[in-house]
């Protein structure tokens, strides 16, 4: 990825910019999130949590859900099929 400035003065004008507003998701991201960490409550089993979370998130179309499911599979989690699944707009999913 790169940036093309058609005129040199456009680059100089950036020195005075204090705020940038973007109106679209994905304007400055590639949309490929990755799960980097999993913090468990005391006594929770990592493999079991990954198995359950991956089963639910595998049904979701959200990019973060995909990242979680991919990470779980990469760790060898068995992803079972969820029979009851509901997307709750603005809140997540229920299974």
PDB file of N, CA and C in Angstrom:
ATOM      1  N   UNK A   1       0.841  -1.170   0.000  1.00  0.00           N
ATOM      2  CA  UNK A   1       0.000   0.000   0.000  1.00  0.00           C
ATOM      3  C   UNK A   1       0.888   1.235   0.000  1.00  0.00           C
ATOM      4  N   UNK A   2       0.436   2.237  -0.686  1.00  0.00           N
ATOM      5  CA  UNK A   2       1.192   3.471  -0.739  1.00  0.00           C
ATOM      6  C   UNK A   2       0.267   4.660  -0.808  1.00  0.00           C
ATOM      7  N   UNK A   3       0.861   5.813  -0.790  1.00  0.00           N
ATOM      8  CA  UNK A   3       0.112   7.058  -0.879  1.00  0.00           C
ATOM      9  C   UNK A   3       0.678   7.847  -2.040  1.00  0.00           C
ATOM     10  N   UNK A   4      -0.201   8.402  -2.857  1.00  0.00           N
ATOM     11  CA  UNK A   4       0.217   9.199  -4.001  1.00  0.00           C
ATOM     12  C   UNK A   4      -0.272  10.630  -3.796  1.00  0.00           C
ATOM     13  N   UNK A   5       0.649  11.573  -3.827  1.00  0.00           N
ATOM     14  CA  UNK A   5       0.299  12.985  -3.762  1.00  0.00           C
ATOM     15  C   UNK A   5       0.491  13.562  -5.150  1.00  0.00           C
ATOM     16  N   UNK A   6      -0.559  14.140  -5.714  1.00  0.00           N
ATOM     17  CA  UNK A   6      -0.478  14.703  -7.061  1.00  0.00           C
ATOM     18  C   UNK A   6       0.271  16.027  -7.080  1.00  0.00           C
ATOM     19  N   UNK A   7       0.210  16.741  -5.971  1.00  0.00           N
ATOM     20  CA  UNK A   7       0.901  18.030  -5.880  1.00  0.00           C
ATOM     21  C   UNK A   7       1.681  18.076  -4.575  1.00  0.00           C
ATOM     22  N   UNK A   8       2.864  18.634  -4.627  1.00  0.00           N
ATOM     23  CA  UNK A   8       3.706  18.739  -3.441  1.00  0.00           C
ATOM     24  C   UNK A   8       3.093  19.572  -2.338  1.00  0.00           C
ATOM     25  N   UNK A   9       2.300  20.599  -2.726  1.00  0.00           N
ATOM     26  CA  UNK A   9       1.714  21.458  -1.704  1.00  0.00           C
ATOM     27  C   UNK A   9       0.668  20.721  -0.870  1.00  0.00           C
ATOM     28  N   UNK A  10       0.098  19.654  -1.406  1.00  0.00           N
ATOM     29  CA  UNK A  10      -0.855  18.852  -0.629  1.00  0.00           C
ATOM     30  C   UNK A  10      -0.145  18.213   0.561  1.00  0.00           C
ATOM     31  N   UNK A  11       1.051  17.739   0.347  1.00  0.00           N
ATOM     32  CA  UNK A  11       1.848  17.148   1.420  1.00  0.00           C
ATOM     33  C   UNK A  11       2.216  18.207   2.459  1.00  0.00           C
ATOM     34  N   UNK A  12       2.562  19.389   2.002  1.00  0.00           N
ATOM     35  CA  UNK A  12       2.904  20.471   2.927  1.00  0.00           C
ATOM     36  C   UNK A  12       1.688  20.887   3.753  1.00  0.00           C
ATOM     37  N   UNK A  13       0.503  20.827   3.156  1.00  0.00           N
ATOM     38  CA  UNK A  13      -0.720  21.208   3.864  1.00  0.00           C
ATOM     39  C   UNK A  13      -1.012  20.266   5.031  1.00  0.00           C
ATOM     40  N   UNK A  14      -0.525  19.041   4.965  1.00  0.00           N
ATOM     41  CA  UNK A  14      -0.750  18.084   6.051  1.00  0.00           C
ATOM     42  C   UNK A  14      -0.140  18.546   7.373  1.00  0.00           C
ATOM     43  N   UNK A  15       0.867  19.383   7.300  1.00  0.00           N
ATOM     44  CA  UNK A  15       1.502  19.876   8.521  1.00  0.00           C
ATOM     45  C   UNK A  15       0.510  20.623   9.406  1.00  0.00           C
ATOM     46  N   UNK A  16      -0.504  21.234   8.810  1.00  0.00           N
ATOM     47  CA  UNK A  16      -1.489  21.984   9.576  1.00  0.00           C
ATOM     48  C   UNK A  16      -2.715  21.181   9.978  1.00  0.00           C
ATOM     49  N   UNK A  17      -2.795  19.937   9.555  1.00  0.00           N
ATOM     50  CA  UNK A  17      -3.966  19.105   9.863  1.00  0.00           C
ATOM     51  C   UNK A  17      -3.904  18.633  11.310  1.00  0.00           C
ATOM     52  N   UNK A  18      -5.007  18.797  12.028  1.00  0.00           N
ATOM     53  CA  UNK A  18      -5.092  18.353  13.418  1.00  0.00           C
ATOM     54  C   UNK A  18      -6.133  17.246  13.605  1.00  0.00           C
ATOM     55  N   UNK A  19      -7.054  17.123  12.653  1.00  0.00           N
ATOM     56  CA  UNK A  19      -8.113  16.120  12.761  1.00  0.00           C
ATOM     57  C   UNK A  19      -8.383  15.519  11.395  1.00  0.00           C
ATOM     58  N   UNK A  20      -8.556  14.205  11.364  1.00  0.00           N
ATOM     59  CA  UNK A  20      -8.938  13.515  10.135  1.00  0.00           C
ATOM     60  C   UNK A  20     -10.189  12.703  10.450  1.00  0.00           C
ATOM     61  N   UNK A  21     -11.235  12.844   9.662  1.00  0.00           N
ATOM     62  CA  UNK A  21     -12.470  12.083   9.841  1.00  0.00           C
ATOM     63  C   UNK A  21     -12.645  11.146   8.653  1.00  0.00           C
ATOM     64  N   UNK A  22     -12.912   9.878   8.941  1.00  0.00           N
ATOM     65  CA  UNK A  22     -13.105   8.873   7.898  1.00  0.00           C
ATOM     66  C   UNK A  22     -14.517   8.324   8.021  1.00  0.00           C
ATOM     67  N   UNK A  23     -15.181   8.123   6.887  1.00  0.00           N
ATOM     68  CA  UNK A  23     -16.587   7.736   6.932  1.00  0.00           C
ATOM     69  C   UNK A  23     -16.859   6.273   6.603  1.00  0.00           C
ATOM     70  N   UNK A  24     -15.847   5.483   6.341  1.00  0.00           N
ATOM     71  CA  UNK A  24     -16.107   4.103   5.939  1.00  0.00           C
ATOM     72  C   UNK A  24     -15.245   3.139   6.742  1.00  0.00           C
ATOM     73  N   UNK A  25     -15.845   2.009   7.096  1.00  0.00           N
ATOM     74  CA  UNK A  25     -15.069   0.938   7.705  1.00  0.00           C
ATOM     75  C   UNK A  25     -14.121   0.395   6.653  1.00  0.00           C
ATOM     76  N   UNK A  26     -12.902   0.134   7.045  1.00  0.00           N
ATOM     77  CA  UNK A  26     -11.937  -0.425   6.114  1.00  0.00           C
ATOM     78  C   UNK A  26     -11.104   0.610   5.387  1.00  0.00           C
ATOM     79  N   UNK A  27     -11.356   1.887   5.641  1.00  0.00           N
ATOM     80  CA  UNK A  27     -10.600   2.931   4.958  1.00  0.00           C
ATOM     81  C   UNK A  27      -9.119   2.858   5.304  1.00  0.00           C
ATOM     82  N   UNK A  28      -8.802   2.594   6.548  1.00  0.00           N
ATOM     83  CA  UNK A  28      -7.403   2.530   6.969  1.00  0.00           C
ATOM     84  C   UNK A  28      -7.011   1.154   7.514  1.00  0.00           C
ATOM     85  N   UNK A  29      -7.864   0.177   7.334  1.00  0.00           N
ATOM     86  CA  UNK A  29      -7.545  -1.185   7.766  1.00  0.00           C
ATOM     87  C   UNK A  29      -7.737  -2.133   6.604  1.00  0.00           C
ATOM     88  N   UNK A  30      -7.178  -3.307   6.736  1.00  0.00           N
ATOM     89  CA  UNK A  30      -7.344  -4.312   5.695  1.00  0.00           C
ATOM     90  C   UNK A  30      -8.467  -5.286   6.014  1.00  0.00           C
ATOM     91  N   UNK A  31      -8.992  -5.252   7.233  1.00  0.00           N
ATOM     92  CA  UNK A  31     -10.103  -6.120   7.584  1.00  0.00           C
ATOM     93  C   UNK A  31      -9.722  -7.566   7.826  1.00  0.00           C
ATOM     94  N   UNK A  32      -8.497  -7.799   8.285  1.00  0.00           N
ATOM     95  CA  UNK A  32      -8.048  -9.161   8.584  1.00  0.00           C
ATOM     96  C   UNK A  32      -7.548  -9.235  10.025  1.00  0.00           C
ATOM     97  N   UNK A  33      -8.461  -9.102  11.003  1.00  0.00           N
ATOM     98  CA  UNK A  33      -8.014  -9.144  12.396  1.00  0.00           C
ATOM     99  C   UNK A  33      -7.508 -10.539  12.779  1.00  0.00           C
ATOM    100  N   UNK A  34      -6.674 -10.574  13.798  1.00  0.00           N
ATOM    101  CA  UNK A  34      -6.160 -11.830  14.329  1.00  0.00           C
ATOM    102  C   UNK A  34      -6.310 -11.829  15.838  1.00  0.00           C
ATOM    103  N   UNK A  35      -6.642 -12.987  16.398  1.00  0.00           N
ATOM    104  CA  UNK A  35      -6.690 -13.124  17.843  1.00  0.00           C
ATOM    105  C   UNK A  35      -5.252 -13.225  18.338  1.00  0.00           C
ATOM    106  N   UNK A  36      -4.864 -12.332  19.235  1.00  0.00           N
ATOM    107  CA  UNK A  36      -3.486 -12.321  19.720  1.00  0.00           C
ATOM    108  C   UNK A  36      -3.356 -12.873  21.128  1.00  0.00           C
ATOM    109  N   UNK A  37      -4.456 -12.921  21.869  1.00  0.00           N
ATOM    110  CA  UNK A  37      -4.374 -13.378  23.249  1.00  0.00           C
ATOM    111  C   UNK A  37      -5.744 -13.861  23.704  1.00  0.00           C
ATOM    112  N   UNK A  38      -5.741 -14.735  24.678  1.00  0.00           N
ATOM    113  CA  UNK A  38      -6.978 -15.211  25.297  1.00  0.00           C
ATOM    114  C   UNK A  38      -6.743 -15.177  26.795  1.00  0.00           C
ATOM    115  N   UNK A  39      -7.484 -14.340  27.494  1.00  0.00           N
ATOM    116  CA  UNK A  39      -7.328 -14.207  28.935  1.00  0.00           C
ATOM    117  C   UNK A  39      -8.483 -14.955  29.589  1.00  0.00           C
ATOM    118  N   UNK A  40      -8.143 -15.937  30.396  1.00  0.00           N
ATOM    119  CA  UNK A  40      -9.147 -16.794  31.023  1.00  0.00           C
ATOM    120  C   UNK A  40      -9.315 -16.457  32.495  1.00  0.00           C
ATOM    121  N   UNK A  41     -10.534 -16.641  32.990  1.00  0.00           N
ATOM    122  CA  UNK A  41     -10.770 -16.530  34.424  1.00  0.00           C
ATOM    123  C   UNK A  41     -10.092 -17.719  35.101  1.00  0.00           C
ATOM    124  N   UNK A  42      -9.745 -17.549  36.335  1.00  0.00           N
ATOM    125  CA  UNK A  42      -9.066 -18.614  37.073  1.00  0.00           C
ATOM    126  C   UNK A  42      -9.899 -19.900  37.044  1.00  0.00           C
ATOM    127  N   UNK A  43      -9.231 -20.994  36.760  1.00  0.00           N
ATOM    128  CA  UNK A  43      -9.894 -22.291  36.749  1.00  0.00           C
ATOM    129  C   UNK A  43     -10.480 -22.691  35.407  1.00  0.00           C
ATOM    130  N   UNK A  44     -10.475 -21.789  34.431  1.00  0.00           N
ATOM    131  CA  UNK A  44     -11.022 -22.110  33.109  1.00  0.00           C
ATOM    132  C   UNK A  44      -9.993 -22.899  32.304  1.00  0.00           C
ATOM    133  N   UNK A  45     -10.469 -23.846  31.512  1.00  0.00           N
ATOM    134  CA  UNK A  45      -9.609 -24.665  30.668  1.00  0.00           C
ATOM    135  C   UNK A  45      -9.532 -24.040  29.277  1.00  0.00           C
ATOM    136  N   UNK A  46      -8.327 -23.679  28.844  1.00  0.00           N
ATOM    137  CA  UNK A  46      -8.131 -22.997  27.563  1.00  0.00           C
ATOM    138  C   UNK A  46      -8.721 -23.790  26.404  1.00  0.00           C
ATOM    139  N   UNK A  47      -8.432 -25.073  26.336  1.00  0.00           N
ATOM    140  CA  UNK A  47      -8.910 -25.899  25.220  1.00  0.00           C
ATOM    141  C   UNK A  47     -10.434 -25.941  25.177  1.00  0.00           C
ATOM    142  N   UNK A  48     -11.073 -26.044  26.333  1.00  0.00           N
ATOM    143  CA  UNK A  48     -12.541 -26.101  26.385  1.00  0.00           C
ATOM    144  C   UNK A  48     -13.157 -24.761  25.988  1.00  0.00           C
ATOM    145  N   UNK A  49     -12.581 -23.668  26.469  1.00  0.00           N
ATOM    146  CA  UNK A  49     -13.086 -22.342  26.106  1.00  0.00           C
ATOM    147  C   UNK A  49     -12.947 -22.129  24.604  1.00  0.00           C
ATOM    148  N   UNK A  50     -11.802 -22.449  24.042  1.00  0.00           N
ATOM    149  CA  UNK A  50     -11.603 -22.300  22.599  1.00  0.00           C
ATOM    150  C   UNK A  50     -12.589 -23.153  21.810  1.00  0.00           C
ATOM    151  N   UNK A  51     -12.818 -24.367  22.270  1.00  0.00           N
ATOM    152  CA  UNK A  51     -13.756 -25.264  21.580  1.00  0.00           C
ATOM    153  C   UNK A  51     -15.161 -24.655  21.549  1.00  0.00           C
ATOM    154  N   UNK A  52     -15.613 -24.150  22.678  1.00  0.00           N
ATOM    155  CA  UNK A  52     -16.962 -23.578  22.759  1.00  0.00           C
ATOM    156  C   UNK A  52     -17.082 -22.274  21.969  1.00  0.00           C
ATOM    157  N   UNK A  53     -16.103 -21.399  22.139  1.00  0.00           N
ATOM    158  CA  UNK A  53     -16.139 -20.108  21.441  1.00  0.00           C
ATOM    159  C   UNK A  53     -16.048 -20.310  19.931  1.00  0.00           C
ATOM    160  N   UNK A  54     -15.178 -21.214  19.497  1.00  0.00           N
ATOM    161  CA  UNK A  54     -15.024 -21.465  18.060  1.00  0.00           C
ATOM    162  C   UNK A  54     -16.307 -22.011  17.456  1.00  0.00           C
ATOM    163  N   UNK A  55     -17.009 -22.855  18.195  1.00  0.00           N
ATOM    164  CA  UNK A  55     -18.263 -23.417  17.688  1.00  0.00           C
ATOM    165  C   UNK A  55     -19.282 -22.314  17.418  1.00  0.00           C
ATOM    166  N   UNK A  56     -19.354 -21.349  18.321  1.00  0.00           N
ATOM    167  CA  UNK A  56     -20.305 -20.246  18.155  1.00  0.00           C
ATOM    168  C   UNK A  56     -19.833 -19.280  17.071  1.00  0.00           C
ATOM    169  N   UNK A  57     -18.584 -18.848  17.155  1.00  0.00           N
ATOM    170  CA  UNK A  57     -18.080 -17.842  16.225  1.00  0.00           C
ATOM    171  C   UNK A  57     -17.964 -18.356  14.794  1.00  0.00           C
ATOM    172  N   UNK A  58     -17.871 -19.648  14.608  1.00  0.00           N
ATOM    173  CA  UNK A  58     -17.792 -20.211  13.254  1.00  0.00           C
ATOM    174  C   UNK A  58     -19.061 -19.922  12.454  1.00  0.00           C
ATOM    175  N   UNK A  59     -20.173 -19.671  13.138  1.00  0.00           N
ATOM    176  CA  UNK A  59     -21.434 -19.366  12.459  1.00  0.00           C
ATOM    177  C   UNK A  59     -21.587 -17.888  12.129  1.00  0.00           C
ATOM    178  N   UNK A  60     -20.785 -17.038  12.754  1.00  0.00           N
ATOM    179  CA  UNK A  60     -20.897 -15.593  12.564  1.00  0.00           C
ATOM    180  C   UNK A  60     -20.150 -15.149  11.313  1.00  0.00           C
ATOM    181  N   UNK A  61     -20.606 -14.062  10.711  1.00  0.00           N
ATOM    182  CA  UNK A  61     -19.950 -13.491   9.536  1.00  0.00           C
ATOM    183  C   UNK A  61     -19.033 -12.322   9.906  1.00  0.00           C
ATOM    184  N   UNK A  62     -18.940 -11.998  11.180  1.00  0.00           N
ATOM    185  CA  UNK A  62     -18.137 -10.859  11.620  1.00  0.00           C
ATOM    186  C   UNK A  62     -16.647 -11.179  11.499  1.00  0.00           C
ATOM    187  N   UNK A  63     -15.828 -10.216  11.037  1.00  0.00           N
ATOM    188  CA  UNK A  63     -14.386 -10.455  10.888  1.00  0.00           C
ATOM    189  C   UNK A  63     -13.685 -10.870  12.184  1.00  0.00           C
ATOM    190  N   UNK A  64     -14.114 -10.325  13.317  1.00  0.00           N
ATOM    191  CA  UNK A  64     -13.498 -10.712  14.587  1.00  0.00           C
ATOM    192  C   UNK A  64     -13.871 -12.152  14.935  1.00  0.00           C
ATOM    193  N   UNK A  65     -15.102 -12.539  14.651  1.00  0.00           N
ATOM    194  CA  UNK A  65     -15.521 -13.923  14.884  1.00  0.00           C
ATOM    195  C   UNK A  65     -14.685 -14.876  14.047  1.00  0.00           C
ATOM    196  N   UNK A  66     -14.427 -14.498  12.821  1.00  0.00           N
ATOM    197  CA  UNK A  66     -13.598 -15.321  11.939  1.00  0.00           C
ATOM    198  C   UNK A  66     -12.185 -15.457  12.504  1.00  0.00           C
ATOM    199  N   UNK A  67     -11.642 -14.380  13.033  1.00  0.00           N
ATOM    200  CA  UNK A  67     -10.300 -14.417  13.620  1.00  0.00           C
ATOM    201  C   UNK A  67     -10.255 -15.366  14.814  1.00  0.00           C
ATOM    202  N   UNK A  68     -11.293 -15.338  15.631  1.00  0.00           N
ATOM    203  CA  UNK A  68     -11.357 -16.221  16.798  1.00  0.00           C
ATOM    204  C   UNK A  68     -11.457 -17.675  16.360  1.00  0.00           C
ATOM    205  N   UNK A  69     -12.330 -17.959  15.406  1.00  0.00           N
ATOM    206  CA  UNK A  69     -12.497 -19.332  14.918  1.00  0.00           C
ATOM    207  C   UNK A  69     -11.206 -19.845  14.280  1.00  0.00           C
ATOM    208  N   UNK A  70     -10.526 -19.001  13.507  1.00  0.00           N
ATOM    209  CA  UNK A  70      -9.260 -19.414  12.885  1.00  0.00           C
ATOM    210  C   UNK A  70      -8.200 -19.728  13.938  1.00  0.00           C
ATOM    211  N   UNK A  71      -8.113 -18.887  14.961  1.00  0.00           N
ATOM    212  CA  UNK A  71      -7.127 -19.106  16.024  1.00  0.00           C
ATOM    213  C   UNK A  71      -7.414 -20.405  16.768  1.00  0.00           C
ATOM    214  N   UNK A  72      -8.682 -20.670  17.019  1.00  0.00           N
ATOM    215  CA  UNK A  72      -9.053 -21.909  17.713  1.00  0.00           C
ATOM    216  C   UNK A  72      -8.684 -23.129  16.876  1.00  0.00           C
ATOM    217  N   UNK A  73      -8.976 -23.071  15.591  1.00  0.00           N
ATOM    218  CA  UNK A  73      -8.616 -24.192  14.706  1.00  0.00           C
ATOM    219  C   UNK A  73      -7.102 -24.380  14.656  1.00  0.00           C
ATOM    220  N   UNK A  74      -6.371 -23.276  14.628  1.00  0.00           N
ATOM    221  CA  UNK A  74      -4.906 -23.349  14.579  1.00  0.00           C
ATOM    222  C   UNK A  74      -4.337 -24.017  15.827  1.00  0.00           C
ATOM    223  N   UNK A  75      -5.059 -23.897  16.936  1.00  0.00           N
ATOM    224  CA  UNK A  75      -4.622 -24.541  18.180  1.00  0.00           C
ATOM    225  C   UNK A  75      -5.180 -25.955  18.309  1.00  0.00           C
ATOM    226  N   UNK A  76      -5.883 -26.409  17.262  1.00  0.00           N
ATOM    227  CA  UNK A  76      -6.384 -27.778  17.264  1.00  0.00           C
ATOM    228  C   UNK A  76      -7.734 -27.972  17.917  1.00  0.00           C
ATOM    229  N   UNK A  77      -8.462 -26.884  18.145  1.00  0.00           N
ATOM    230  CA  UNK A  77      -9.781 -27.004  18.767  1.00  0.00           C
ATOM    231  C   UNK A  77     -10.752 -27.701  17.819  1.00  0.00           C
ATOM    232  N   UNK A  78     -11.536 -28.605  18.375  1.00  0.00           N
ATOM    233  CA  UNK A  78     -12.575 -29.277  17.596  1.00  0.00           C
ATOM    234  C   UNK A  78     -13.756 -28.308  17.479  1.00  0.00           C
ATOM    235  N   UNK A  79     -14.132 -27.973  16.268  1.00  0.00           N
ATOM    236  CA  UNK A  79     -15.225 -27.029  16.053  1.00  0.00           C
ATOM    237  C   UNK A  79     -16.481 -27.820  15.712  1.00  0.00           C
ATOM    238  N   UNK A  80     -17.377 -27.913  16.690  1.00  0.00           N
ATOM    239  CA  UNK A  80     -18.628 -28.636  16.484  1.00  0.00           C
ATOM    240  C   UNK A  80     -19.672 -27.684  15.914  1.00  0.00           C
ATOM    241  N   UNK A  81     -20.712 -28.234  15.317  1.00  0.00           N
ATOM    242  CA  UNK A  81     -21.760 -27.398  14.727  1.00  0.00           C
ATOM    243  C   UNK A  81     -22.773 -26.987  15.786  1.00  0.00           C
ATOM    244  N   UNK A  82     -23.064 -25.707  15.835  1.00  0.00           N
ATOM    245  CA  UNK A  82     -24.059 -25.159  16.751  1.00  0.00           C
ATOM    246  C   UNK A  82     -25.422 -25.263  16.081  1.00  0.00           C
ATOM    247  N   UNK A  83     -26.414 -25.770  16.805  1.00  0.00           N
ATOM    248  CA  UNK A  83     -27.741 -25.953  16.200  1.00  0.00           C
ATOM    249  C   UNK A  83     -28.646 -24.741  16.387  1.00  0.00           C
ATOM    250  N   UNK A  84     -28.461 -23.990  17.455  1.00  0.00           N
ATOM    251  CA  UNK A  84     -29.258 -22.783  17.671  1.00  0.00           C
ATOM    252  C   UNK A  84     -28.304 -21.594  17.695  1.00  0.00           C
ATOM    253  N   UNK A  85     -28.531 -20.648  16.791  1.00  0.00           N
ATOM    254  CA  UNK A  85     -27.631 -19.509  16.650  1.00  0.00           C
ATOM    255  C   UNK A  85     -28.441 -18.280  16.308  1.00  0.00           C
ATOM    256  N   UNK A  86     -28.123 -17.166  16.966  1.00  0.00           N
ATOM    257  CA  UNK A  86     -28.828 -15.911  16.691  1.00  0.00           C
ATOM    258  C   UNK A  86     -27.836 -14.751  16.732  1.00  0.00           C
ATOM    259  N   UNK A  87     -27.879 -13.906  15.711  1.00  0.00           N
ATOM    260  CA  UNK A  87     -27.091 -12.677  15.704  1.00  0.00           C
ATOM    261  C   UNK A  87     -27.939 -11.576  16.313  1.00  0.00           C
ATOM    262  N   UNK A  88     -27.392 -10.873  17.277  1.00  0.00           N
ATOM    263  CA  UNK A  88     -28.097  -9.775  17.924  1.00  0.00           C
ATOM    264  C   UNK A  88     -27.361  -8.494  17.538  1.00  0.00           C
ATOM    265  N   UNK A  89     -27.948  -7.750  16.610  1.00  0.00           N
ATOM    266  CA  UNK A  89     -27.308  -6.562  16.054  1.00  0.00           C
ATOM    267  C   UNK A  89     -26.826  -5.614  17.150  1.00  0.00           C
ATOM    268  N   UNK A  90     -25.561  -5.266  17.062  1.00  0.00           N
ATOM    269  CA  UNK A  90     -24.966  -4.346  18.008  1.00  0.00           C
ATOM    270  C   UNK A  90     -24.543  -4.968  19.324  1.00  0.00           C
ATOM    271  N   UNK A  91     -24.827  -6.257  19.508  1.00  0.00           N
ATOM    272  CA  UNK A  91     -24.503  -6.908  20.780  1.00  0.00           C
ATOM    273  C   UNK A  91     -23.688  -8.182  20.628  1.00  0.00           C
ATOM    274  N   UNK A  92     -23.766  -8.839  19.495  1.00  0.00           N
ATOM    275  CA  UNK A  92     -23.011 -10.084  19.316  1.00  0.00           C
ATOM    276  C   UNK A  92     -23.900 -11.225  18.874  1.00  0.00           C
ATOM    277  N   UNK A  93     -23.643 -12.378  19.455  1.00  0.00           N
ATOM    278  CA  UNK A  93     -24.388 -13.576  19.072  1.00  0.00           C
ATOM    279  C   UNK A  93     -24.853 -14.326  20.307  1.00  0.00           C
ATOM    280  N   UNK A  94     -25.832 -15.201  20.083  1.00  0.00           N
ATOM    281  CA  UNK A  94     -26.337 -16.078  21.140  1.00  0.00           C
ATOM    282  C   UNK A  94     -26.445 -17.473  20.544  1.00  0.00           C
ATOM    283  N   UNK A  95     -25.987 -18.461  21.301  1.00  0.00           N
ATOM    284  CA  UNK A  95     -26.079 -19.845  20.818  1.00  0.00           C
ATOM    285  C   UNK A  95     -26.437 -20.764  21.965  1.00  0.00           C
TER     286      UNK A  95
END
